[in-house]
PDB file of N, CA and C in Angstrom:
ATOM      1  N   MET A   1     -10.069  19.674   4.613  1.00  0.00           N
ATOM      2  CA  MET A   1      -9.707  18.970   5.837  1.00  0.00           C
ATOM      3  C   MET A   1      -8.430  18.170   5.600  1.00  0.00           C
ATOM      4  N   SER A   2      -7.644  18.020   6.627  1.00  0.00           N
ATOM      5  CA  SER A   2      -6.415  17.238   6.575  1.00  0.00           C
ATOM      6  C   SER A   2      -6.715  15.783   6.211  1.00  0.00           C
ATOM      7  N   PRO A   3      -5.839  15.109   5.465  1.00  0.00           N
ATOM      8  CA  PRO A   3      -6.045  13.691   5.171  1.00  0.00           C
ATOM      9  C   PRO A   3      -5.843  12.792   6.392  1.00  0.00           C
ATOM     10  N   ILE A   4      -5.209  13.327   7.446  1.00  0.00           N
ATOM     11  CA  ILE A   4      -5.075  12.619   8.727  1.00  0.00           C
ATOM     12  C   ILE A   4      -5.680  13.513   9.800  1.00  0.00           C
ATOM     13  N   THR A   5      -6.661  12.983  10.517  1.00  0.00           N
ATOM     14  CA  THR A   5      -7.299  13.723  11.606  1.00  0.00           C
ATOM     15  C   THR A   5      -7.272  12.867  12.864  1.00  0.00           C
ATOM     16  N   THR A   6      -7.581  13.494  13.996  1.00  0.00           N
ATOM     17  CA  THR A   6      -7.621  12.755  15.248  1.00  0.00           C
ATOM     18  C   THR A   6      -8.699  13.345  16.153  1.00  0.00           C
ATOM     19  N   HIS A   7      -9.027  12.582  17.175  1.00  0.00           N
ATOM     20  CA  HIS A   7     -10.046  12.946  18.152  1.00  0.00           C
ATOM     21  C   HIS A   7      -9.621  12.300  19.460  1.00  0.00           C
ATOM     22  N   VAL A   8      -9.545  13.069  20.536  1.00  0.00           N
ATOM     23  CA  VAL A   8      -9.135  12.533  21.836  1.00  0.00           C
ATOM     24  C   VAL A   8     -10.301  12.638  22.797  1.00  0.00           C
ATOM     25  N   LEU A   9     -10.657  11.507  23.390  1.00  0.00           N
ATOM     26  CA  LEU A   9     -11.730  11.461  24.380  1.00  0.00           C
ATOM     27  C   LEU A   9     -11.154  11.032  25.732  1.00  0.00           C
ATOM     28  N   ASP A  10     -11.474  11.785  26.757  1.00  0.00           N
ATOM     29  CA  ASP A  10     -11.095  11.444  28.124  1.00  0.00           C
ATOM     30  C   ASP A  10     -12.154  10.486  28.644  1.00  0.00           C
ATOM     31  N   THR A  11     -11.841   9.189  28.608  1.00  0.00           N
ATOM     32  CA  THR A  11     -12.845   8.189  28.992  1.00  0.00           C
ATOM     33  C   THR A  11     -13.079   8.149  30.497  1.00  0.00           C
ATOM     34  N   ALA A  12     -12.140   8.650  31.300  1.00  0.00           N
ATOM     35  CA  ALA A  12     -12.344   8.693  32.755  1.00  0.00           C
ATOM     36  C   ALA A  12     -13.392   9.730  33.126  1.00  0.00           C
ATOM     37  N   LYS A  13     -13.438  10.826  32.352  1.00  0.00           N
ATOM     38  CA  LYS A  13     -14.412  11.890  32.620  1.00  0.00           C
ATOM     39  C   LYS A  13     -15.612  11.832  31.685  1.00  0.00           C
ATOM     40  N   GLY A  14     -15.477  11.093  30.598  1.00  0.00           N
ATOM     41  CA  GLY A  14     -16.572  11.008  29.633  1.00  0.00           C
ATOM     42  C   GLY A  14     -16.737  12.271  28.798  1.00  0.00           C
ATOM     43  N   ILE A  15     -15.625  12.976  28.534  1.00  0.00           N
ATOM     44  CA  ILE A  15     -15.692  14.236  27.780  1.00  0.00           C
ATOM     45  C   ILE A  15     -14.560  14.291  26.752  1.00  0.00           C
ATOM     46  N   PRO A  16     -14.693  15.160  25.737  1.00  0.00           N
ATOM     47  CA  PRO A  16     -13.567  15.382  24.823  1.00  0.00           C
ATOM     48  C   PRO A  16     -12.392  15.980  25.588  1.00  0.00           C
ATOM     49  N   ALA A  17     -11.181  15.623  25.177  1.00  0.00           N
ATOM     50  CA  ALA A  17      -9.968  16.151  25.795  1.00  0.00           C
ATOM     51  C   ALA A  17      -9.511  17.374  25.008  1.00  0.00           C
ATOM     52  N   GLU A  18      -9.712  18.539  25.596  1.00  0.00           N
ATOM     53  CA  GLU A  18      -9.374  19.809  24.944  1.00  0.00           C
ATOM     54  C   GLU A  18      -7.927  20.201  25.241  1.00  0.00           C
ATOM     55  N   ASN A  19      -7.287  20.846  24.270  1.00  0.00           N
ATOM     56  CA  ASN A  19      -5.922  21.377  24.404  1.00  0.00           C
ATOM     57  C   ASN A  19      -4.857  20.308  24.607  1.00  0.00           C
ATOM     58  N   VAL A  20      -5.013  19.176  23.935  1.00  0.00           N
ATOM     59  CA  VAL A  20      -3.964  18.155  23.944  1.00  0.00           C
ATOM     60  C   VAL A  20      -2.991  18.492  22.810  1.00  0.00           C
ATOM     61  N   PRO A  21      -1.723  18.793  23.129  1.00  0.00           N
ATOM     62  CA  PRO A  21      -0.745  19.053  22.072  1.00  0.00           C
ATOM     63  C   PRO A  21      -0.441  17.763  21.295  1.00  0.00           C
ATOM     64  N   ILE A  22      -0.385  17.897  19.973  1.00  0.00           N
ATOM     65  CA  ILE A  22      -0.201  16.749  19.083  1.00  0.00           C
ATOM     66  C   ILE A  22       0.790  17.128  17.998  1.00  0.00           C
ATOM     67  N   HIS A  23       1.628  16.162  17.617  1.00  0.00           N
ATOM     68  CA  HIS A  23       2.417  16.368  16.411  1.00  0.00           C
ATOM     69  C   HIS A  23       2.448  15.101  15.571  1.00  0.00           C
ATOM     70  N   LEU A  24       2.542  15.310  14.267  1.00  0.00           N
ATOM     71  CA  LEU A  24       2.523  14.241  13.276  1.00  0.00           C
ATOM     72  C   LEU A  24       3.867  14.206  12.574  1.00  0.00           C
ATOM     73  N   GLU A  25       4.417  12.982  12.457  1.00  0.00           N
ATOM     74  CA  GLU A  25       5.702  12.796  11.793  1.00  0.00           C
ATOM     75  C   GLU A  25       5.599  11.687  10.753  1.00  0.00           C
ATOM     76  N   SER A  26       6.549  11.703   9.828  1.00  0.00           N
ATOM     77  CA  SER A  26       6.663  10.652   8.823  1.00  0.00           C
ATOM     78  C   SER A  26       8.102  10.160   8.800  1.00  0.00           C
ATOM     79  N   TRP A  27       8.284   8.854   8.559  1.00  0.00           N
ATOM     80  CA  TRP A  27       9.609   8.248   8.498  1.00  0.00           C
ATOM     81  C   TRP A  27      10.170   8.501   7.102  1.00  0.00           C
ATOM     82  N   ILE A  28      11.143   9.414   7.009  1.00  0.00           N
ATOM     83  CA  ILE A  28      11.722   9.818   5.733  1.00  0.00           C
ATOM     84  C   ILE A  28      13.237   9.782   5.859  1.00  0.00           C
ATOM     85  N   ASN A  29      13.897   9.102   4.931  1.00  0.00           N
ATOM     86  CA  ASN A  29      15.372   9.024   4.922  1.00  0.00           C
ATOM     87  C   ASN A  29      15.933   8.568   6.260  1.00  0.00           C
ATOM     88  N   SER A  30      15.350   7.515   6.812  1.00  0.00           N
ATOM     89  CA  SER A  30      15.812   6.889   8.056  1.00  0.00           C
ATOM     90  C   SER A  30      15.719   7.790   9.280  1.00  0.00           C
ATOM     91  N   ASP A  31      14.741   8.701   9.275  1.00  0.00           N
ATOM     92  CA  ASP A  31      14.549   9.575  10.432  1.00  0.00           C
ATOM     93  C   ASP A  31      13.098  10.061  10.458  1.00  0.00           C
ATOM     94  N   TRP A  32      12.602  10.392  11.644  1.00  0.00           N
ATOM     95  CA  TRP A  32      11.264  10.957  11.773  1.00  0.00           C
ATOM     96  C   TRP A  32      11.313  12.443  11.439  1.00  0.00           C
ATOM     97  N   GLN A  33      10.451  12.874  10.505  1.00  0.00           N
ATOM     98  CA  GLN A  33      10.375  14.263  10.077  1.00  0.00           C
ATOM     99  C   GLN A  33       9.019  14.848  10.481  1.00  0.00           C
ATOM    100  N   LEU A  34       9.032  15.996  11.131  1.00  0.00           N
ATOM    101  CA  LEU A  34       7.805  16.658  11.561  1.00  0.00           C
ATOM    102  C   LEU A  34       7.027  17.154  10.349  1.00  0.00           C
ATOM    103  N   LEU A  35       5.731  16.802  10.302  1.00  0.00           N
ATOM    104  CA  LEU A  35       4.856  17.234   9.206  1.00  0.00           C
ATOM    105  C   LEU A  35       3.843  18.273   9.654  1.00  0.00           C
ATOM    106  N   GLY A  36       3.379  18.157  10.889  1.00  0.00           N
ATOM    107  CA  GLY A  36       2.354  19.070  11.372  1.00  0.00           C
ATOM    108  C   GLY A  36       2.206  18.967  12.869  1.00  0.00           C
ATOM    109  N   ARG A  37       1.617  20.017  13.437  1.00  0.00           N
ATOM    110  CA  ARG A  37       1.378  20.029  14.877  1.00  0.00           C
ATOM    111  C   ARG A  37       0.168  20.905  15.170  1.00  0.00           C
ATOM    112  N   GLY A  38      -0.387  20.701  16.343  1.00  0.00           N
ATOM    113  CA  GLY A  38      -1.524  21.499  16.772  1.00  0.00           C
ATOM    114  C   GLY A  38      -2.025  20.986  18.103  1.00  0.00           C
ATOM    115  N   SER A  39      -3.184  21.466  18.516  1.00  0.00           N
ATOM    116  CA  SER A  39      -3.817  21.029  19.765  1.00  0.00           C
ATOM    117  C   SER A  39      -5.288  20.774  19.504  1.00  0.00           C
ATOM    118  N   THR A  40      -5.856  19.888  20.284  1.00  0.00           N
ATOM    119  CA  THR A  40      -7.266  19.565  20.119  1.00  0.00           C
ATOM    120  C   THR A  40      -8.149  20.752  20.492  1.00  0.00           C
ATOM    121  N   ASN A  41      -9.278  20.858  19.825  1.00  0.00           N
ATOM    122  CA  ASN A  41     -10.237  21.932  20.097  1.00  0.00           C
ATOM    123  C   ASN A  41     -11.184  21.523  21.234  1.00  0.00           C
ATOM    124  N   ALA A  42     -12.204  22.311  21.479  1.00  0.00           N
ATOM    125  CA  ALA A  42     -13.154  22.047  22.575  1.00  0.00           C
ATOM    126  C   ALA A  42     -13.883  20.719  22.405  1.00  0.00           C
ATOM    127  N   ASP A  43     -13.967  20.221  21.166  1.00  0.00           N
ATOM    128  CA  ASP A  43     -14.604  18.929  20.904  1.00  0.00           C
ATOM    129  C   ASP A  43     -13.576  17.795  20.881  1.00  0.00           C
ATOM    130  N   GLY A  44     -12.333  18.077  21.273  1.00  0.00           N
ATOM    131  CA  GLY A  44     -11.288  17.065  21.315  1.00  0.00           C
ATOM    132  C   GLY A  44     -10.726  16.698  19.951  1.00  0.00           C
ATOM    133  N   ARG A  45     -10.991  17.516  18.925  1.00  0.00           N
ATOM    134  CA  ARG A  45     -10.583  17.181  17.557  1.00  0.00           C
ATOM    135  C   ARG A  45      -9.448  18.064  17.067  1.00  0.00           C
ATOM    136  N   LEU A  46      -8.658  17.481  16.167  1.00  0.00           N
ATOM    137  CA  LEU A  46      -7.643  18.227  15.429  1.00  0.00           C
ATOM    138  C   LEU A  46      -7.777  17.811  13.967  1.00  0.00           C
ATOM    139  N   THR A  47      -8.155  18.757  13.131  1.00  0.00           N
ATOM    140  CA  THR A  47      -8.485  18.437  11.734  1.00  0.00           C
ATOM    141  C   THR A  47      -7.585  19.140  10.722  1.00  0.00           C
ATOM    142  N   ASN A  48      -6.524  19.820  11.168  1.00  0.00           N
ATOM    143  CA  ASN A  48      -5.696  20.560  10.225  1.00  0.00           C
ATOM    144  C   ASN A  48      -4.208  20.214  10.345  1.00  0.00           C
ATOM    145  N   LEU A  49      -3.879  18.954  10.553  1.00  0.00           N
ATOM    146  CA  LEU A  49      -2.480  18.535  10.672  1.00  0.00           C
ATOM    147  C   LEU A  49      -1.721  18.653   9.350  1.00  0.00           C
ATOM    148  N   LEU A  50      -2.374  18.357   8.240  1.00  0.00           N
ATOM    149  CA  LEU A  50      -1.749  18.366   6.920  1.00  0.00           C
ATOM    150  C   LEU A  50      -2.619  19.105   5.920  1.00  0.00           C
ATOM    151  N   GLU A  51      -1.986  19.621   4.892  1.00  0.00           N
ATOM    152  CA  GLU A  51      -2.732  20.224   3.791  1.00  0.00           C
ATOM    153  C   GLU A  51      -3.411  19.122   2.977  1.00  0.00           C
ATOM    154  N   PRO A  52      -4.632  19.352   2.519  1.00  0.00           N
ATOM    155  CA  PRO A  52      -5.283  18.371   1.644  1.00  0.00           C
ATOM    156  C   PRO A  52      -4.401  18.063   0.440  1.00  0.00           C
ATOM    157  N   GLY A  53      -4.337  16.794   0.062  1.00  0.00           N
ATOM    158  CA  GLY A  53      -3.551  16.378  -1.093  1.00  0.00           C
ATOM    159  C   GLY A  53      -2.075  16.175  -0.817  1.00  0.00           C
ATOM    160  N   SER A  54      -1.635  16.330   0.432  1.00  0.00           N
ATOM    161  CA  SER A  54      -0.206  16.232   0.744  1.00  0.00           C
ATOM    162  C   SER A  54       0.220  14.863   1.275  1.00  0.00           C
ATOM    163  N   LEU A  55      -0.704  13.920   1.381  1.00  0.00           N
ATOM    164  CA  LEU A  55      -0.398  12.616   1.959  1.00  0.00           C
ATOM    165  C   LEU A  55       0.307  11.721   0.944  1.00  0.00           C
ATOM    166  N   ALA A  56       1.295  10.945   1.420  1.00  0.00           N
ATOM    167  CA  ALA A  56       2.020   9.995   0.587  1.00  0.00           C
ATOM    168  C   ALA A  56       2.057   8.645   1.295  1.00  0.00           C
ATOM    169  N   LYS A  57       2.341   7.589   0.550  1.00  0.00           N
ATOM    170  CA  LYS A  57       2.530   6.278   1.165  1.00  0.00           C
ATOM    171  C   LYS A  57       3.686   6.370   2.144  1.00  0.00           C
ATOM    172  N   GLY A  58       3.594   5.579   3.228  1.00  0.00           N
ATOM    173  CA  GLY A  58       4.710   5.538   4.162  1.00  0.00           C
ATOM    174  C   GLY A  58       4.296   5.271   5.589  1.00  0.00           C
ATOM    175  N   HIS A  59       5.280   5.361   6.467  1.00  0.00           N
ATOM    176  CA  HIS A  59       5.073   5.142   7.893  1.00  0.00           C
ATOM    177  C   HIS A  59       4.925   6.492   8.586  1.00  0.00           C
ATOM    178  N   TYR A  60       3.937   6.571   9.461  1.00  0.00           N
ATOM    179  CA  TYR A  60       3.610   7.812  10.152  1.00  0.00           C
ATOM    180  C   TYR A  60       3.557   7.554  11.649  1.00  0.00           C
ATOM    181  N   ARG A  61       3.723   8.635  12.407  1.00  0.00           N
ATOM    182  CA  ARG A  61       3.630   8.561  13.865  1.00  0.00           C
ATOM    183  C   ARG A  61       2.927   9.822  14.348  1.00  0.00           C
ATOM    184  N   ILE A  62       1.903   9.623  15.165  1.00  0.00           N
ATOM    185  CA  ILE A  62       1.204  10.746  15.780  1.00  0.00           C
ATOM    186  C   ILE A  62       1.446  10.652  17.292  1.00  0.00           C
ATOM    187  N   SER A  63       1.861  11.768  17.883  1.00  0.00           N
ATOM    188  CA  SER A  63       2.210  11.799  19.310  1.00  0.00           C
ATOM    189  C   SER A  63       1.306  12.771  20.043  1.00  0.00           C
ATOM    190  N   PHE A  64       0.832  12.341  21.196  1.00  0.00           N
ATOM    191  CA  PHE A  64      -0.086  13.109  22.035  1.00  0.00           C
ATOM    192  C   PHE A  64       0.620  13.433  23.353  1.00  0.00           C
ATOM    193  N   ASP A  65       0.740  14.695  23.711  1.00  0.00           N
ATOM    194  CA  ASP A  65       1.358  15.110  24.972  1.00  0.00           C
ATOM    195  C   ASP A  65       0.289  15.057  26.063  1.00  0.00           C
ATOM    196  N   VAL A  66       0.033  13.848  26.556  1.00  0.00           N
ATOM    197  CA  VAL A  66      -1.043  13.676  27.533  1.00  0.00           C
ATOM    198  C   VAL A  66      -0.636  14.162  28.925  1.00  0.00           C
ATOM    199  N   GLU A  67       0.675  14.255  29.193  1.00  0.00           N
ATOM    200  CA  GLU A  67       1.117  14.812  30.470  1.00  0.00           C
ATOM    201  C   GLU A  67       0.638  16.261  30.611  1.00  0.00           C
ATOM    202  N   LYS A  68       0.771  17.031  29.551  1.00  0.00           N
ATOM    203  CA  LYS A  68       0.305  18.420  29.596  1.00  0.00           C
ATOM    204  C   LYS A  68      -1.211  18.466  29.811  1.00  0.00           C
ATOM    205  N   TYR A  69      -1.934  17.586  29.137  1.00  0.00           N
ATOM    206  CA  TYR A  69      -3.391  17.541  29.311  1.00  0.00           C
ATOM    207  C   TYR A  69      -3.753  17.185  30.754  1.00  0.00           C
ATOM    208  N   PHE A  70      -3.179  16.094  31.282  1.00  0.00           N
ATOM    209  CA  PHE A  70      -3.509  15.682  32.645  1.00  0.00           C
ATOM    210  C   PHE A  70      -3.145  16.766  33.662  1.00  0.00           C
ATOM    211  N   SER A  71      -2.003  17.406  33.476  1.00  0.00           N
ATOM    212  CA  SER A  71      -1.610  18.485  34.387  1.00  0.00           C
ATOM    213  C   SER A  71      -2.620  19.627  34.354  1.00  0.00           C
ATOM    214  N   SER A  72      -3.138  19.940  33.168  1.00  0.00           N
ATOM    215  CA  SER A  72      -4.134  21.012  33.053  1.00  0.00           C
ATOM    216  C   SER A  72      -5.455  20.636  33.722  1.00  0.00           C
ATOM    217  N   GLN A  73      -5.677  19.343  33.904  1.00  0.00           N
ATOM    218  CA  GLN A  73      -6.890  18.850  34.553  1.00  0.00           C
ATOM    219  C   GLN A  73      -6.667  18.575  36.040  1.00  0.00           C
ATOM    220  N   ASN A  74      -5.503  18.998  36.560  1.00  0.00           N
ATOM    221  CA  ASN A  74      -5.120  18.769  37.960  1.00  0.00           C
ATOM    222  C   ASN A  74      -5.074  17.295  38.322  1.00  0.00           C
ATOM    223  N   ILE A  75      -4.704  16.475  37.351  1.00  0.00           N
ATOM    224  CA  ILE A  75      -4.509  15.043  37.584  1.00  0.00           C
ATOM    225  C   ILE A  75      -3.015  14.821  37.748  1.00  0.00           C
ATOM    226  N   GLN A  76      -2.594  14.465  38.949  1.00  0.00           N
ATOM    227  CA  GLN A  76      -1.177  14.326  39.255  1.00  0.00           C
ATOM    228  C   GLN A  76      -0.665  12.900  39.076  1.00  0.00           C
ATOM    229  N   SER A  77      -1.556  11.934  39.091  1.00  0.00           N
ATOM    230  CA  SER A  77      -1.152  10.536  39.002  1.00  0.00           C
ATOM    231  C   SER A  77      -1.632   9.948  37.678  1.00  0.00           C
ATOM    232  N   PHE A  78      -0.676   9.637  36.806  1.00  0.00           N
ATOM    233  CA  PHE A  78      -0.978   9.010  35.520  1.00  0.00           C
ATOM    234  C   PHE A  78       0.244   8.208  35.102  1.00  0.00           C
ATOM    235  N   PHE A  79       0.080   7.300  34.166  1.00  0.00           N
ATOM    236  CA  PHE A  79       1.147   6.377  33.802  1.00  0.00           C
ATOM    237  C   PHE A  79       1.870   6.746  32.512  1.00  0.00           C
ATOM    238  N   TYR A  80       1.145   7.229  31.528  1.00  0.00           N
ATOM    239  CA  TYR A  80       1.726   7.527  30.217  1.00  0.00           C
ATOM    240  C   TYR A  80       1.854   9.042  30.011  1.00  0.00           C
ATOM    241  N   PRO A  81       3.067   9.593  29.978  1.00  0.00           N
ATOM    242  CA  PRO A  81       3.207  11.028  29.728  1.00  0.00           C
ATOM    243  C   PRO A  81       3.003  11.390  28.253  1.00  0.00           C
ATOM    244  N   VAL A  82       3.338  10.453  27.363  1.00  0.00           N
ATOM    245  CA  VAL A  82       3.179  10.657  25.917  1.00  0.00           C
ATOM    246  C   VAL A  82       2.615   9.380  25.327  1.00  0.00           C
ATOM    247  N   VAL A  83       1.670   9.526  24.421  1.00  0.00           N
ATOM    248  CA  VAL A  83       1.152   8.385  23.663  1.00  0.00           C
ATOM    249  C   VAL A  83       1.593   8.576  22.218  1.00  0.00           C
ATOM    250  N   ARG A  84       2.306   7.575  21.681  1.00  0.00           N
ATOM    251  CA  ARG A  84       2.753   7.611  20.285  1.00  0.00           C
ATOM    252  C   ARG A  84       2.120   6.438  19.548  1.00  0.00           C
ATOM    253  N   ILE A  85       1.499   6.752  18.441  1.00  0.00           N
ATOM    254  CA  ILE A  85       0.838   5.731  17.631  1.00  0.00           C
ATOM    255  C   ILE A  85       1.484   5.738  16.255  1.00  0.00           C
ATOM    256  N   GLU A  86       2.050   4.602  15.866  1.00  0.00           N
ATOM    257  CA  GLU A  86       2.643   4.464  14.542  1.00  0.00           C
ATOM    258  C   GLU A  86       1.679   3.693  13.658  1.00  0.00           C
ATOM    259  N   PHE A  87       1.602   4.119  12.404  1.00  0.00           N
ATOM    260  CA  PHE A  87       0.712   3.465  11.451  1.00  0.00           C
ATOM    261  C   PHE A  87       1.265   3.615  10.046  1.00  0.00           C
ATOM    262  N   GLU A  88       0.721   2.824   9.136  1.00  0.00           N
ATOM    263  CA  GLU A  88       1.199   2.820   7.758  1.00  0.00           C
ATOM    264  C   GLU A  88       0.103   3.289   6.813  1.00  0.00           C
ATOM    265  N   ILE A  89       0.464   4.160   5.899  1.00  0.00           N
ATOM    266  CA  ILE A  89      -0.444   4.634   4.858  1.00  0.00           C
ATOM    267  C   ILE A  89      -0.109   3.891   3.577  1.00  0.00           C
ATOM    268  N   LEU A  90      -1.058   3.128   3.071  1.00  0.00           N
ATOM    269  CA  LEU A  90      -0.869   2.409   1.806  1.00  0.00           C
ATOM    270  C   LEU A  90      -1.612   3.084   0.667  1.00  0.00           C
ATOM    271  N   ASN A  91      -2.712   3.762   0.989  1.00  0.00           N
ATOM    272  CA  ASN A  91      -3.504   4.426  -0.032  1.00  0.00           C
ATOM    273  C   ASN A  91      -3.665   5.900   0.341  1.00  0.00           C
ATOM    274  N   PRO A  92      -2.816   6.785  -0.181  1.00  0.00           N
ATOM    275  CA  PRO A  92      -2.874   8.192   0.205  1.00  0.00           C
ATOM    276  C   PRO A  92      -4.112   8.931  -0.303  1.00  0.00           C
ATOM    277  N   GLU A  93      -4.947   8.271  -1.088  1.00  0.00           N
ATOM    278  CA  GLU A  93      -6.183   8.887  -1.561  1.00  0.00           C
ATOM    279  C   GLU A  93      -7.284   8.808  -0.503  1.00  0.00           C
ATOM    280  N   GLN A  94      -7.101   7.959   0.503  1.00  0.00           N
ATOM    281  CA  GLN A  94      -8.103   7.793   1.553  1.00  0.00           C
ATOM    282  C   GLN A  94      -7.885   8.799   2.678  1.00  0.00           C
ATOM    283  N   HIS A  95      -8.916   8.939   3.505  1.00  0.00           N
ATOM    284  CA  HIS A  95      -8.824   9.744   4.727  1.00  0.00           C
ATOM    285  C   HIS A  95      -8.509   8.799   5.885  1.00  0.00           C
ATOM    286  N   TYR A  96      -7.644   9.237   6.790  1.00  0.00           N
ATOM    287  CA  TYR A  96      -7.260   8.427   7.943  1.00  0.00           C
ATOM    288  C   TYR A  96      -7.587   9.198   9.220  1.00  0.00           C
ATOM    289  N   HIS A  97      -8.410   8.583  10.059  1.00  0.00           N
ATOM    290  CA  HIS A  97      -8.792   9.171  11.333  1.00  0.00           C
ATOM    291  C   HIS A  97      -8.227   8.278  12.430  1.00  0.00           C
ATOM    292  N   VAL A  98      -7.452   8.875  13.352  1.00  0.00           N
ATOM    293  CA  VAL A  98      -6.765   8.124  14.401  1.00  0.00           C
ATOM    294  C   VAL A  98      -7.237   8.626  15.761  1.00  0.00           C
ATOM    295  N   PRO A  99      -8.323   8.057  16.288  1.00  0.00           N
ATOM    296  CA  PRO A  99      -8.834   8.483  17.593  1.00  0.00           C
ATOM    297  C   PRO A  99      -7.998   7.920  18.742  1.00  0.00           C
ATOM    298  N   LEU A 100      -8.004   8.641  19.856  1.00  0.00           N
ATOM    299  CA  LEU A 100      -7.355   8.186  21.075  1.00  0.00           C
ATOM    300  C   LEU A 100      -8.379   8.248  22.199  1.00  0.00           C
ATOM    301  N   LEU A 101      -8.604   7.112  22.836  1.00  0.00           N
ATOM    302  CA  LEU A 101      -9.449   7.034  24.029  1.00  0.00           C
ATOM    303  C   LEU A 101      -8.498   6.968  25.216  1.00  0.00           C
ATOM    304  N   LEU A 102      -8.602   7.935  26.108  1.00  0.00           N
ATOM    305  CA  LEU A 102      -7.566   8.186  27.097  1.00  0.00           C
ATOM    306  C   LEU A 102      -8.094   8.159  28.521  1.00  0.00           C
ATOM    307  N   SER A 103      -7.310   7.564  29.420  1.00  0.00           N
ATOM    308  CA  SER A 103      -7.544   7.667  30.860  1.00  0.00           C
ATOM    309  C   SER A 103      -6.166   7.742  31.513  1.00  0.00           C
ATOM    310  N   PRO A 104      -6.076   8.075  32.794  1.00  0.00           N
ATOM    311  CA  PRO A 104      -4.761   8.233  33.412  1.00  0.00           C
ATOM    312  C   PRO A 104      -3.877   6.975  33.396  1.00  0.00           C
ATOM    313  N   PHE A 105      -4.477   5.796  33.323  1.00  0.00           N
ATOM    314  CA  PHE A 105      -3.672   4.571  33.396  1.00  0.00           C
ATOM    315  C   PHE A 105      -3.859   3.645  32.211  1.00  0.00           C
ATOM    316  N   GLY A 106      -4.399   4.170  31.113  1.00  0.00           N
ATOM    317  CA  GLY A 106      -4.562   3.356  29.926  1.00  0.00           C
ATOM    318  C   GLY A 106      -5.045   4.166  28.760  1.00  0.00           C
ATOM    319  N   TYR A 107      -4.948   3.580  27.592  1.00  0.00           N
ATOM    320  CA  TYR A 107      -5.462   4.206  26.372  1.00  0.00           C
ATOM    321  C   TYR A 107      -5.758   3.143  25.340  1.00  0.00           C
ATOM    322  N   SER A 108      -6.564   3.486  24.360  1.00  0.00           N
ATOM    323  CA  SER A 108      -6.795   2.610  23.217  1.00  0.00           C
ATOM    324  C   SER A 108      -6.985   3.482  21.985  1.00  0.00           C
ATOM    325  N   THR A 109      -6.830   2.867  20.844  1.00  0.00           N
ATOM    326  CA  THR A 109      -6.947   3.560  19.582  1.00  0.00           C
ATOM    327  C   THR A 109      -7.470   2.590  18.526  1.00  0.00           C
ATOM    328  N   TYR A 110      -7.868   3.135  17.411  1.00  0.00           N
ATOM    329  CA  TYR A 110      -8.362   2.325  16.297  1.00  0.00           C
ATOM    330  C   TYR A 110      -8.352   3.204  15.066  1.00  0.00           C
ATOM    331  N   ARG A 111      -8.537   2.623  13.892  1.00  0.00           N
ATOM    332  CA  ARG A 111      -8.691   3.432  12.699  1.00  0.00           C
ATOM    333  C   ARG A 111     -10.152   3.820  12.580  1.00  0.00           C
ATOM    334  N   GLY A 112     -10.399   5.076  12.712  1.00  0.00           N
ATOM    335  CA  GLY A 112     -11.769   5.582  12.635  1.00  0.00           C
ATOM    336  C   GLY A 112     -12.152   5.937  11.216  1.00  0.00           C
ATOM    337  N   SER A 113     -13.293   6.605  11.097  1.00  0.00           N
ATOM    338  CA  SER A 113     -13.763   6.991   9.766  1.00  0.00           C
ATOM    339  C   SER A 113     -13.956   8.500   9.689  1.00  0.00           C
TER     340      SER A 113
END
């Protein structure tokens, strides 16, 4: 499993958010570098962003294309087209889970397990 995983839940509908495009970047040499990309599965999860053992200390950013998700759900009115979450990895030996709780006019996140 990837050392960084995510899970997107549509809190307005109370269901996992399927087919949310996601990409993961790291701040390297004063620029964001793409490390991995994918889309959430039927359970709203993405578990293969990085190869096991490939995580390093540093600043990371995970971006969720929620506009594409909302459009696929025939939701025309929403506030955030993209959600970007920046975080810092201090211990690359640990697993990092970054969930996103999503609705058309708000979102929240936390470090999961």
